[in-house]
Amino acid sequence: MDTGHATYEGETLSWDAFMEHKIADLMFVADEDGDVLGWVSASKASRRSVFDGVLEDSVYIAPDAAGRGVAGALLDHMITAATEAGYWAMHSTVFPENQGSLKLHLSRGFTEIGIAHTMARMNYGPMEGRWRDILLLEKILEGGPAYPEYQARVKE
């Protein structure tokens, strides 16, 4: 979070506030000798029931764990678990400056579908007060219920 490229908010949420929109079965932690290296979590992308199979992921890696494959292993595990649970798509929002997260998601088959401009103002860190854009990424889950139709559309 120190870089200002992971989240808009600098305040740590209480556990209850954090869990309010998270899907407990899609939260995974990587640790080494009891030290947390990173974690991933998912929340529903919308409160509307027709989008119940669409998730938004969050990936956070400790600075000393960067470049060790932790993020990839965690995201791969989440993608597999989400597919097995019947979800059909994952979304992610990434600051354009967060090249590590962007490269991670692209390497796992996410595609950049757009830019949302001036989505929110930073409230901490080196970019405090600045309006920030986010990249919108998506992945249609291979093996999920929407994948056959997605493949048919891609081939057209």
N, C-alpha and C. Protein backbone atom coordinates (compact mmCIF):
# COMPACT_ATOMS: atom_id res chain seq x y z
N MET A 1 0.81 -1.20 0.00
CA MET A 1 0.00 0.00 0.00
C MET A 1 0.86 1.26 0.00
N ASP A 2 2.07 1.15 0.47
CA ASP A 2 2.92 2.33 0.61
C ASP A 2 3.17 3.06 -0.71
N THR A 3 3.13 2.33 -1.82
CA THR A 3 3.40 2.95 -3.12
C THR A 3 2.24 3.82 -3.60
N GLY A 4 1.04 3.59 -3.06
CA GLY A 4 -0.13 4.30 -3.54
C GLY A 4 -0.70 3.70 -4.81
N HIS A 5 -0.26 2.51 -5.19
CA HIS A 5 -0.73 1.88 -6.42
C HIS A 5 -1.55 0.62 -6.17
N ALA A 6 -1.95 0.38 -4.92
CA ALA A 6 -2.70 -0.84 -4.62
C ALA A 6 -4.17 -0.57 -4.31
N THR A 7 -4.46 0.53 -3.65
CA THR A 7 -5.83 0.82 -3.25
C THR A 7 -5.99 2.32 -3.06
N TYR A 8 -7.21 2.79 -3.17
CA TYR A 8 -7.48 4.21 -2.96
C TYR A 8 -7.37 4.62 -1.50
N GLU A 9 -7.67 3.70 -0.60
CA GLU A 9 -7.80 4.04 0.81
C GLU A 9 -6.59 3.60 1.61
N GLY A 10 -6.13 4.46 2.48
CA GLY A 10 -4.98 4.15 3.30
C GLY A 10 -5.31 3.59 4.66
N GLU A 11 -6.57 3.64 5.05
CA GLU A 11 -6.98 3.13 6.35
C GLU A 11 -7.30 1.65 6.26
N THR A 12 -6.81 0.89 7.21
CA THR A 12 -7.11 -0.54 7.27
C THR A 12 -8.51 -0.72 7.83
N LEU A 13 -9.32 -1.52 7.16
CA LEU A 13 -10.68 -1.78 7.61
C LEU A 13 -10.68 -2.74 8.79
N SER A 14 -11.73 -2.67 9.59
CA SER A 14 -11.92 -3.70 10.61
C SER A 14 -12.22 -5.01 9.89
N TRP A 15 -12.03 -6.13 10.58
CA TRP A 15 -12.29 -7.43 9.97
C TRP A 15 -13.73 -7.53 9.49
N ASP A 16 -14.68 -7.09 10.31
CA ASP A 16 -16.09 -7.16 9.93
C ASP A 16 -16.38 -6.32 8.70
N ALA A 17 -15.83 -5.13 8.63
CA ALA A 17 -16.03 -4.27 7.46
C ALA A 17 -15.38 -4.89 6.23
N PHE A 18 -14.20 -5.46 6.39
CA PHE A 18 -13.50 -6.11 5.28
C PHE A 18 -14.31 -7.29 4.74
N MET A 19 -14.86 -8.09 5.65
CA MET A 19 -15.58 -9.31 5.26
C MET A 19 -16.99 -9.05 4.75
N GLU A 20 -17.49 -7.84 4.91
CA GLU A 20 -18.87 -7.54 4.57
C GLU A 20 -19.24 -7.95 3.14
N HIS A 21 -18.34 -7.76 2.21
CA HIS A 21 -18.64 -8.08 0.80
C HIS A 21 -17.76 -9.20 0.24
N LYS A 22 -16.94 -9.81 1.07
CA LYS A 22 -16.03 -10.86 0.60
C LYS A 22 -16.73 -12.22 0.58
N ILE A 23 -16.23 -13.10 -0.26
CA ILE A 23 -16.71 -14.48 -0.34
C ILE A 23 -15.67 -15.32 0.39
N ALA A 24 -16.04 -15.80 1.57
CA ALA A 24 -15.08 -16.48 2.45
C ALA A 24 -14.41 -17.69 1.78
N ASP A 25 -15.15 -18.42 0.95
CA ASP A 25 -14.59 -19.61 0.30
C ASP A 25 -13.59 -19.26 -0.79
N LEU A 26 -13.48 -17.99 -1.12
CA LEU A 26 -12.54 -17.56 -2.16
C LEU A 26 -11.51 -16.58 -1.60
N MET A 27 -11.07 -16.86 -0.39
CA MET A 27 -9.99 -16.09 0.24
C MET A 27 -8.85 -17.05 0.53
N PHE A 28 -7.65 -16.70 0.08
CA PHE A 28 -6.50 -17.58 0.25
C PHE A 28 -5.29 -16.76 0.68
N VAL A 29 -4.48 -17.35 1.55
CA VAL A 29 -3.30 -16.70 2.09
C VAL A 29 -2.08 -17.57 1.81
N ALA A 30 -0.99 -16.94 1.43
CA ALA A 30 0.30 -17.64 1.30
C ALA A 30 1.16 -17.20 2.47
N ASP A 31 1.74 -18.19 3.15
CA ASP A 31 2.63 -17.85 4.25
C ASP A 31 3.90 -18.69 4.17
N GLU A 32 4.90 -18.21 4.88
CA GLU A 32 6.18 -18.91 4.97
C GLU A 32 6.64 -18.80 6.41
N ASP A 33 6.68 -19.93 7.07
CA ASP A 33 7.09 -19.96 8.48
C ASP A 33 6.26 -19.00 9.34
N GLY A 34 4.97 -18.92 9.03
CA GLY A 34 4.07 -18.08 9.82
C GLY A 34 4.00 -16.62 9.39
N ASP A 35 4.85 -16.21 8.46
CA ASP A 35 4.81 -14.84 7.95
C ASP A 35 3.93 -14.79 6.70
N VAL A 36 3.00 -13.86 6.66
CA VAL A 36 2.11 -13.72 5.50
C VAL A 36 2.90 -13.13 4.34
N LEU A 37 2.88 -13.86 3.22
CA LEU A 37 3.54 -13.39 2.00
C LEU A 37 2.57 -12.64 1.10
N GLY A 38 1.30 -13.00 1.19
CA GLY A 38 0.29 -12.36 0.36
C GLY A 38 -1.04 -13.03 0.52
N TRP A 39 -2.06 -12.40 -0.07
CA TRP A 39 -3.40 -12.99 -0.01
C TRP A 39 -4.21 -12.52 -1.21
N VAL A 40 -5.23 -13.30 -1.52
CA VAL A 40 -6.21 -12.93 -2.54
C VAL A 40 -7.59 -13.07 -1.93
N SER A 41 -8.50 -12.27 -2.42
CA SER A 41 -9.89 -12.38 -1.99
C SER A 41 -10.78 -12.03 -3.17
N ALA A 42 -12.04 -12.40 -3.04
CA ALA A 42 -13.01 -12.10 -4.09
C ALA A 42 -14.28 -11.56 -3.46
N SER A 43 -14.92 -10.70 -4.20
CA SER A 43 -16.24 -10.20 -3.83
C SER A 43 -17.10 -10.24 -5.08
N LYS A 44 -18.41 -10.24 -4.88
CA LYS A 44 -19.29 -10.21 -6.05
C LYS A 44 -19.12 -8.86 -6.73
N ALA A 45 -19.13 -8.89 -8.05
CA ALA A 45 -18.94 -7.67 -8.82
C ALA A 45 -20.17 -6.77 -8.79
N SER A 46 -21.32 -7.33 -8.43
CA SER A 46 -22.56 -6.57 -8.39
C SER A 46 -23.49 -7.19 -7.36
N ARG A 47 -24.39 -6.40 -6.84
CA ARG A 47 -25.41 -6.92 -5.92
C ARG A 47 -26.62 -7.48 -6.68
N ARG A 48 -26.68 -7.26 -7.98
CA ARG A 48 -27.80 -7.76 -8.79
C ARG A 48 -27.63 -9.26 -9.02
N SER A 49 -28.70 -10.00 -8.83
CA SER A 49 -28.63 -11.47 -8.86
C SER A 49 -28.21 -12.02 -10.22
N VAL A 50 -28.50 -11.33 -11.31
CA VAL A 50 -28.12 -11.85 -12.63
C VAL A 50 -26.60 -11.89 -12.81
N PHE A 51 -25.88 -11.17 -11.95
CA PHE A 51 -24.42 -11.14 -12.02
C PHE A 51 -23.79 -11.98 -10.91
N ASP A 52 -24.54 -12.90 -10.32
CA ASP A 52 -24.02 -13.69 -9.20
C ASP A 52 -22.77 -14.49 -9.55
N GLY A 53 -22.54 -14.77 -10.80
CA GLY A 53 -21.37 -15.55 -11.19
C GLY A 53 -20.16 -14.72 -11.56
N VAL A 54 -20.22 -13.41 -11.31
CA VAL A 54 -19.13 -12.52 -11.68
C VAL A 54 -18.45 -12.00 -10.40
N LEU A 55 -17.14 -12.17 -10.34
CA LEU A 55 -16.35 -11.79 -9.17
C LEU A 55 -15.43 -10.64 -9.49
N GLU A 56 -15.02 -9.94 -8.44
CA GLU A 56 -13.91 -9.00 -8.55
C GLU A 56 -12.83 -9.48 -7.60
N ASP A 57 -11.61 -9.62 -8.10
CA ASP A 57 -10.53 -10.12 -7.26
C ASP A 57 -9.71 -8.98 -6.67
N SER A 58 -9.07 -9.29 -5.56
CA SER A 58 -8.09 -8.41 -4.92
C SER A 58 -6.86 -9.25 -4.63
N VAL A 59 -5.69 -8.74 -4.98
CA VAL A 59 -4.43 -9.45 -4.75
C VAL A 59 -3.48 -8.49 -4.04
N TYR A 60 -2.96 -8.92 -2.91
CA TYR A 60 -1.99 -8.11 -2.18
C TYR A 60 -0.79 -8.98 -1.81
N ILE A 61 0.40 -8.49 -2.08
CA ILE A 61 1.64 -9.23 -1.84
C ILE A 61 2.57 -8.37 -0.99
N ALA A 62 3.17 -8.98 0.02
CA ALA A 62 4.15 -8.27 0.84
C ALA A 62 5.34 -7.87 -0.03
N PRO A 63 5.90 -6.70 0.20
CA PRO A 63 7.01 -6.23 -0.64
C PRO A 63 8.16 -7.23 -0.75
N ASP A 64 8.49 -7.91 0.33
CA ASP A 64 9.61 -8.85 0.26
C ASP A 64 9.26 -10.16 -0.42
N ALA A 65 7.98 -10.35 -0.76
CA ALA A 65 7.56 -11.55 -1.48
C ALA A 65 7.39 -11.29 -2.98
N ALA A 66 7.50 -10.04 -3.40
CA ALA A 66 7.34 -9.70 -4.81
C ALA A 66 8.39 -10.41 -5.65
N GLY A 67 7.96 -10.88 -6.82
CA GLY A 67 8.88 -11.54 -7.74
C GLY A 67 9.18 -12.98 -7.42
N ARG A 68 8.48 -13.56 -6.44
CA ARG A 68 8.74 -14.94 -6.04
C ARG A 68 7.65 -15.91 -6.51
N GLY A 69 6.70 -15.43 -7.31
CA GLY A 69 5.65 -16.30 -7.81
C GLY A 69 4.47 -16.45 -6.88
N VAL A 70 4.48 -15.73 -5.78
CA VAL A 70 3.40 -15.85 -4.79
C VAL A 70 2.07 -15.37 -5.37
N ALA A 71 2.08 -14.21 -6.00
CA ALA A 71 0.84 -13.66 -6.55
C ALA A 71 0.25 -14.59 -7.61
N GLY A 72 1.09 -15.11 -8.48
CA GLY A 72 0.61 -16.03 -9.51
C GLY A 72 0.00 -17.28 -8.93
N ALA A 73 0.65 -17.85 -7.93
CA ALA A 73 0.13 -19.07 -7.30
C ALA A 73 -1.21 -18.79 -6.63
N LEU A 74 -1.32 -17.67 -5.94
CA LEU A 74 -2.58 -17.33 -5.27
C LEU A 74 -3.70 -17.08 -6.28
N LEU A 75 -3.41 -16.31 -7.32
CA LEU A 75 -4.44 -16.01 -8.31
C LEU A 75 -4.84 -17.27 -9.07
N ASP A 76 -3.88 -18.13 -9.41
CA ASP A 76 -4.21 -19.40 -10.06
C ASP A 76 -5.14 -20.23 -9.19
N HIS A 77 -4.85 -20.28 -7.90
CA HIS A 77 -5.68 -21.05 -6.97
C HIS A 77 -7.10 -20.47 -6.92
N MET A 78 -7.21 -19.15 -6.88
CA MET A 78 -8.53 -18.53 -6.86
C MET A 78 -9.30 -18.81 -8.15
N ILE A 79 -8.63 -18.70 -9.29
CA ILE A 79 -9.30 -18.95 -10.57
C ILE A 79 -9.84 -20.37 -10.60
N THR A 80 -9.05 -21.34 -10.18
CA THR A 80 -9.50 -22.73 -10.14
C THR A 80 -10.67 -22.90 -9.20
N ALA A 81 -10.57 -22.36 -8.00
CA ALA A 81 -11.64 -22.50 -7.01
C ALA A 81 -12.92 -21.81 -7.48
N ALA A 82 -12.79 -20.65 -8.10
CA ALA A 82 -13.97 -19.93 -8.60
C ALA A 82 -14.65 -20.71 -9.72
N THR A 83 -13.87 -21.27 -10.62
CA THR A 83 -14.43 -22.07 -11.71
C THR A 83 -15.15 -23.29 -11.15
N GLU A 84 -14.51 -23.99 -10.22
CA GLU A 84 -15.12 -25.18 -9.62
C GLU A 84 -16.39 -24.83 -8.85
N ALA A 85 -16.49 -23.62 -8.34
CA ALA A 85 -17.68 -23.19 -7.60
C ALA A 85 -18.79 -22.68 -8.52
N GLY A 86 -18.55 -22.65 -9.85
CA GLY A 86 -19.59 -22.27 -10.79
C GLY A 86 -19.60 -20.82 -11.21
N TYR A 87 -18.60 -20.06 -10.82
CA TYR A 87 -18.53 -18.67 -11.27
C TYR A 87 -18.11 -18.66 -12.74
N TRP A 88 -18.50 -17.62 -13.47
CA TRP A 88 -18.20 -17.62 -14.90
C TRP A 88 -17.29 -16.47 -15.35
N ALA A 89 -17.07 -15.48 -14.52
CA ALA A 89 -16.19 -14.38 -14.94
C ALA A 89 -15.55 -13.73 -13.72
N MET A 90 -14.37 -13.18 -13.96
CA MET A 90 -13.67 -12.41 -12.93
C MET A 90 -13.30 -11.06 -13.51
N HIS A 91 -13.46 -10.05 -12.69
CA HIS A 91 -13.04 -8.70 -13.04
C HIS A 91 -11.94 -8.26 -12.08
N SER A 92 -11.14 -7.34 -12.53
CA SER A 92 -10.15 -6.73 -11.66
C SER A 92 -10.00 -5.28 -12.08
N THR A 93 -9.77 -4.42 -11.12
CA THR A 93 -9.48 -3.02 -11.42
C THR A 93 -8.06 -2.75 -10.92
N VAL A 94 -7.26 -2.17 -11.78
CA VAL A 94 -5.84 -2.00 -11.50
C VAL A 94 -5.43 -0.57 -11.87
N PHE A 95 -4.68 0.08 -10.98
CA PHE A 95 -4.12 1.38 -11.35
C PHE A 95 -3.15 1.17 -12.52
N PRO A 96 -3.17 2.03 -13.54
CA PRO A 96 -2.26 1.86 -14.68
C PRO A 96 -0.79 1.79 -14.27
N GLU A 97 -0.44 2.47 -13.19
CA GLU A 97 0.95 2.47 -12.73
C GLU A 97 1.36 1.16 -12.06
N ASN A 98 0.39 0.33 -11.70
CA ASN A 98 0.69 -0.93 -11.01
C ASN A 98 1.00 -2.01 -12.04
N GLN A 99 2.17 -1.89 -12.64
CA GLN A 99 2.55 -2.81 -13.71
C GLN A 99 2.66 -4.25 -13.24
N GLY A 100 3.04 -4.47 -12.00
CA GLY A 100 3.12 -5.84 -11.48
C GLY A 100 1.77 -6.52 -11.51
N SER A 101 0.74 -5.84 -11.02
CA SER A 101 -0.61 -6.42 -11.01
C SER A 101 -1.15 -6.57 -12.43
N LEU A 102 -0.91 -5.57 -13.26
CA LEU A 102 -1.38 -5.65 -14.64
C LEU A 102 -0.74 -6.84 -15.36
N LYS A 103 0.57 -7.00 -15.25
CA LYS A 103 1.26 -8.12 -15.90
C LYS A 103 0.78 -9.45 -15.33
N LEU A 104 0.58 -9.52 -14.02
CA LEU A 104 0.06 -10.74 -13.40
C LEU A 104 -1.27 -11.13 -14.01
N HIS A 105 -2.21 -10.20 -14.04
CA HIS A 105 -3.53 -10.52 -14.56
C HIS A 105 -3.49 -10.88 -16.05
N LEU A 106 -2.74 -10.12 -16.83
CA LEU A 106 -2.65 -10.44 -18.26
C LEU A 106 -2.03 -11.82 -18.47
N SER A 107 -1.07 -12.20 -17.64
CA SER A 107 -0.43 -13.51 -17.79
C SER A 107 -1.37 -14.65 -17.41
N ARG A 108 -2.45 -14.34 -16.73
CA ARG A 108 -3.44 -15.36 -16.33
C ARG A 108 -4.67 -15.31 -17.22
N GLY A 109 -4.57 -14.65 -18.36
CA GLY A 109 -5.65 -14.67 -19.34
C GLY A 109 -6.68 -13.56 -19.20
N PHE A 110 -6.45 -12.60 -18.32
CA PHE A 110 -7.34 -11.45 -18.24
C PHE A 110 -7.07 -10.57 -19.46
N THR A 111 -8.08 -9.84 -19.89
CA THR A 111 -7.91 -8.89 -20.97
C THR A 111 -8.30 -7.50 -20.46
N GLU A 112 -7.61 -6.50 -20.99
CA GLU A 112 -7.95 -5.13 -20.64
C GLU A 112 -9.15 -4.71 -21.47
N ILE A 113 -10.22 -4.32 -20.81
CA ILE A 113 -11.44 -3.97 -21.54
C ILE A 113 -11.75 -2.48 -21.52
N GLY A 114 -10.96 -1.71 -20.78
CA GLY A 114 -11.19 -0.28 -20.79
C GLY A 114 -10.50 0.44 -19.66
N ILE A 115 -10.72 1.75 -19.65
CA ILE A 115 -10.20 2.62 -18.60
C ILE A 115 -11.37 3.38 -18.00
N ALA A 116 -11.45 3.39 -16.69
CA ALA A 116 -12.42 4.23 -15.99
C ALA A 116 -11.63 5.44 -15.49
N HIS A 117 -12.00 6.60 -15.97
CA HIS A 117 -11.25 7.82 -15.67
C HIS A 117 -11.73 8.48 -14.38
N THR A 118 -10.79 9.04 -13.65
CA THR A 118 -11.06 9.80 -12.41
C THR A 118 -12.12 9.13 -11.55
N MET A 119 -11.89 7.87 -11.23
CA MET A 119 -12.88 7.09 -10.46
C MET A 119 -12.98 7.50 -9.01
N ALA A 120 -11.87 7.85 -8.40
CA ALA A 120 -11.89 8.27 -7.00
C ALA A 120 -10.61 9.03 -6.70
N ARG A 121 -10.66 9.76 -5.61
CA ARG A 121 -9.51 10.55 -5.19
C ARG A 121 -8.74 9.81 -4.11
N MET A 122 -7.43 9.77 -4.26
CA MET A 122 -6.57 9.12 -3.26
C MET A 122 -6.67 9.86 -1.94
N ASN A 123 -6.70 9.09 -0.83
CA ASN A 123 -6.79 9.76 0.47
C ASN A 123 -5.56 9.51 1.34
N TYR A 124 -4.46 9.07 0.73
CA TYR A 124 -3.23 8.83 1.48
C TYR A 124 -2.04 8.77 0.53
N GLY A 125 -0.86 8.77 1.10
CA GLY A 125 0.36 8.47 0.36
C GLY A 125 0.82 9.54 -0.59
N PRO A 126 1.74 9.17 -1.48
CA PRO A 126 2.37 10.14 -2.37
C PRO A 126 1.41 10.75 -3.39
N MET A 127 0.26 10.12 -3.60
CA MET A 127 -0.71 10.65 -4.57
C MET A 127 -1.96 11.18 -3.88
N GLU A 128 -1.88 11.45 -2.60
CA GLU A 128 -3.03 11.95 -1.85
C GLU A 128 -3.62 13.18 -2.54
N GLY A 129 -4.94 13.17 -2.69
CA GLY A 129 -5.64 14.29 -3.31
C GLY A 129 -5.78 14.18 -4.82
N ARG A 130 -5.06 13.26 -5.46
CA ARG A 130 -5.14 13.11 -6.92
C ARG A 130 -6.28 12.20 -7.31
N TRP A 131 -6.97 12.56 -8.37
CA TRP A 131 -7.98 11.69 -8.96
C TRP A 131 -7.25 10.64 -9.78
N ARG A 132 -7.67 9.39 -9.62
CA ARG A 132 -6.95 8.28 -10.27
C ARG A 132 -7.84 7.53 -11.25
N ASP A 133 -7.24 7.12 -12.34
CA ASP A 133 -7.89 6.23 -13.31
C ASP A 133 -7.65 4.80 -12.87
N ILE A 134 -8.47 3.89 -13.37
CA ILE A 134 -8.23 2.47 -13.18
C ILE A 134 -8.45 1.75 -14.51
N LEU A 135 -7.66 0.71 -14.71
CA LEU A 135 -7.85 -0.18 -15.86
C LEU A 135 -8.87 -1.23 -15.47
N LEU A 136 -9.76 -1.55 -16.39
CA LEU A 136 -10.76 -2.59 -16.17
C LEU A 136 -10.30 -3.85 -16.89
N LEU A 137 -10.18 -4.94 -16.15
CA LEU A 137 -9.73 -6.22 -16.69
C LEU A 137 -10.80 -7.27 -16.48
N GLU A 138 -10.88 -8.23 -17.39
CA GLU A 138 -11.83 -9.33 -17.20
C GLU A 138 -11.24 -10.64 -17.69
N LYS A 139 -11.76 -11.71 -17.12
CA LYS A 139 -11.41 -13.06 -17.55
C LYS A 139 -12.69 -13.88 -17.52
N ILE A 140 -13.05 -14.46 -18.66
CA ILE A 140 -14.15 -15.42 -18.71
C ILE A 140 -13.53 -16.75 -18.32
N LEU A 141 -14.07 -17.37 -17.28
CA LEU A 141 -13.44 -18.55 -16.70
C LEU A 141 -13.61 -19.78 -17.58
N GLU A 142 -12.49 -20.31 -18.05
CA GLU A 142 -12.50 -21.52 -18.86
C GLU A 142 -13.06 -22.66 -18.02
N GLY A 143 -14.07 -23.32 -18.53
CA GLY A 143 -14.73 -24.37 -17.76
C GLY A 143 -15.96 -23.87 -17.02
N GLY A 144 -16.12 -22.56 -16.96
CA GLY A 144 -17.31 -21.99 -16.34
C GLY A 144 -18.50 -22.08 -17.28
N PRO A 145 -19.71 -21.87 -16.79
CA PRO A 145 -20.90 -22.07 -17.62
C PRO A 145 -21.02 -21.12 -18.81
N ALA A 146 -20.39 -19.97 -18.80
CA ALA A 146 -20.49 -19.02 -19.91
C ALA A 146 -19.40 -19.23 -20.96
N TYR A 147 -18.42 -20.08 -20.67
CA TYR A 147 -17.25 -20.20 -21.53
C TYR A 147 -17.58 -20.68 -22.95
N PRO A 148 -18.44 -21.69 -23.15
CA PRO A 148 -18.72 -22.12 -24.52
C PRO A 148 -19.28 -20.99 -25.40
N GLU A 149 -20.20 -20.21 -24.86
CA GLU A 149 -20.74 -19.11 -25.66
C GLU A 149 -19.68 -18.04 -25.91
N TYR A 150 -18.87 -17.77 -24.92
CA TYR A 150 -17.78 -16.81 -25.08
C TYR A 150 -16.85 -17.26 -26.21
N GLN A 151 -16.47 -18.53 -26.20
CA GLN A 151 -15.58 -19.06 -27.25
C GLN A 151 -16.22 -18.94 -28.62
N ALA A 152 -17.52 -19.21 -28.71
CA ALA A 152 -18.21 -19.10 -29.99
C ALA A 152 -18.18 -17.65 -30.49
N ARG A 153 -18.35 -16.70 -29.60
CA ARG A 153 -18.33 -15.29 -29.99
C ARG A 153 -16.93 -14.85 -30.42
N VAL A 154 -15.92 -15.35 -29.74
CA VAL A 154 -14.54 -14.98 -30.06
C VAL A 154 -14.18 -15.48 -31.45
N LYS A 155 -14.71 -16.64 -31.84
CA LYS A 155 -14.39 -17.24 -33.14
C LYS A 155 -15.11 -16.56 -34.29
N GLU A 156 -16.16 -15.80 -34.00
CA GLU A 156 -16.94 -15.14 -35.07
C GLU A 156 -16.15 -14.07 -35.77
